[in-house]
Amino acid sequence: MAAESSAQVCLLFDMMVRAMVDKPECVSVKSVSMPNGSVVLKVGAAPEELGKLIGLGGRTSRSFRTILSAISKTQRQRYSLDIGEDIT
């Protein structure tokens, strides 16, 4: 069940990130299960798109983390976010 919910969260973030950037074909979102039981969402995009994902003063990335926090509480699964260049 945890893998299924992680896949759904990954799909949600994939759709949100693709809607924000100019090059949606360069976006990749992967979920990585950590040994401590948490899940890290690794969001990758073209280098010139990273500013849109981080936002002015980190506002957009903070909003992403707020969404993940709400999901974490409802699913009782710890999620964290890692935004970087293309991770493929």
Protein backbone atom coordinates (compact mmCIF):
# COMPACT_ATOMS: atom_id res chain seq x y z
CA MET A 1 0.00 0.00 0.00
CA ALA A 2 2.84 2.41 0.77
CA ALA A 3 4.28 1.92 -2.71
CA GLU A 4 0.90 2.64 -4.28
CA SER A 5 0.42 5.86 -2.31
CA SER A 6 3.99 6.94 -3.12
CA ALA A 7 3.26 6.40 -6.81
CA GLN A 8 0.13 8.56 -6.54
CA VAL A 9 2.04 11.35 -4.79
CA CYS A 10 4.74 11.10 -7.44
CA LEU A 11 2.12 11.40 -10.20
CA LEU A 12 0.52 14.41 -8.49
CA PHE A 13 3.85 16.24 -8.29
CA ASP A 14 4.68 15.27 -11.86
CA MET A 15 1.46 16.93 -13.06
CA MET A 16 2.00 20.05 -10.92
CA VAL A 17 5.61 20.54 -11.99
CA ARG A 18 4.89 19.95 -15.70
CA ALA A 19 2.16 22.61 -15.54
CA MET A 20 4.64 25.17 -14.18
CA VAL A 21 7.52 24.88 -16.65
CA ASP A 22 8.03 25.80 -20.30
CA LYS A 23 9.69 22.46 -21.15
CA PRO A 24 7.47 19.78 -19.58
CA GLU A 25 9.25 17.06 -21.55
CA CYS A 26 12.38 17.71 -19.45
CA VAL A 27 10.62 17.10 -16.12
CA SER A 28 11.17 13.93 -14.14
CA VAL A 29 9.79 12.99 -10.74
CA LYS A 30 10.95 9.87 -8.92
CA SER A 31 10.20 8.54 -5.47
CA VAL A 32 13.01 6.92 -3.52
CA SER A 33 12.30 4.91 -0.37
CA MET A 34 14.83 5.51 2.36
CA PRO A 35 15.98 2.95 4.97
CA ASN A 36 14.28 4.92 7.76
CA GLY A 37 10.89 4.46 6.07
CA SER A 38 10.58 7.94 4.60
CA VAL A 39 10.14 8.68 0.90
CA VAL A 40 12.12 11.32 -0.99
CA LEU A 41 10.54 12.85 -4.09
CA LYS A 42 13.33 13.78 -6.48
CA VAL A 43 12.12 16.44 -8.91
CA GLY A 44 14.33 17.18 -11.88
CA ALA A 45 13.97 19.75 -14.64
CA ALA A 46 16.07 21.60 -17.17
CA PRO A 47 18.58 23.92 -15.45
CA GLU A 48 16.86 27.04 -16.79
CA GLU A 49 13.54 25.88 -15.27
CA LEU A 50 14.79 25.40 -11.71
CA GLY A 51 14.11 29.00 -10.77
CA LYS A 52 10.41 28.50 -11.49
CA LEU A 53 10.31 25.43 -9.26
CA ILE A 54 12.15 27.08 -6.40
CA GLY A 55 10.44 30.47 -6.72
CA LEU A 56 11.35 33.88 -5.42
CA GLY A 57 12.90 33.39 -2.00
CA GLY A 58 11.95 29.70 -2.13
CA ARG A 59 8.21 30.38 -1.99
CA THR A 60 7.23 27.79 -4.59
CA SER A 61 9.37 25.04 -3.09
CA ARG A 62 7.98 25.93 0.34
CA SER A 63 4.47 25.54 -1.07
CA PHE A 64 5.40 22.12 -2.49
CA ARG A 65 6.70 21.11 0.94
CA THR A 66 3.50 22.33 2.60
CA ILE A 67 1.49 20.10 0.26
CA LEU A 68 3.79 17.18 1.06
CA SER A 69 3.37 17.85 4.76
CA ALA A 70 -0.41 17.65 4.46
CA ILE A 71 -0.13 14.42 2.48
CA SER A 72 2.29 13.02 5.06
CA LYS A 73 -0.18 13.61 7.87
CA THR A 74 -3.10 11.97 6.09
CA GLN A 75 -1.10 8.94 4.90
CA ARG A 76 1.12 8.63 7.98
CA GLN A 77 4.13 8.47 5.67
CA ARG A 78 7.03 10.93 5.85
CA TYR A 79 7.83 12.63 2.52
CA SER A 80 10.60 15.06 1.66
CA LEU A 81 11.38 16.95 -1.53
CA ASP A 82 14.62 17.27 -3.47
CA ILE A 83 14.61 19.71 -6.41
CA GLY A 84 17.54 19.62 -8.81
CA GLU A 85 18.64 19.39 -12.41
CA ASP A 86 17.45 16.60 -14.66
CA ILE A 87 17.74 13.34 -12.71
CA THR A 88 17.21 10.89 -15.57
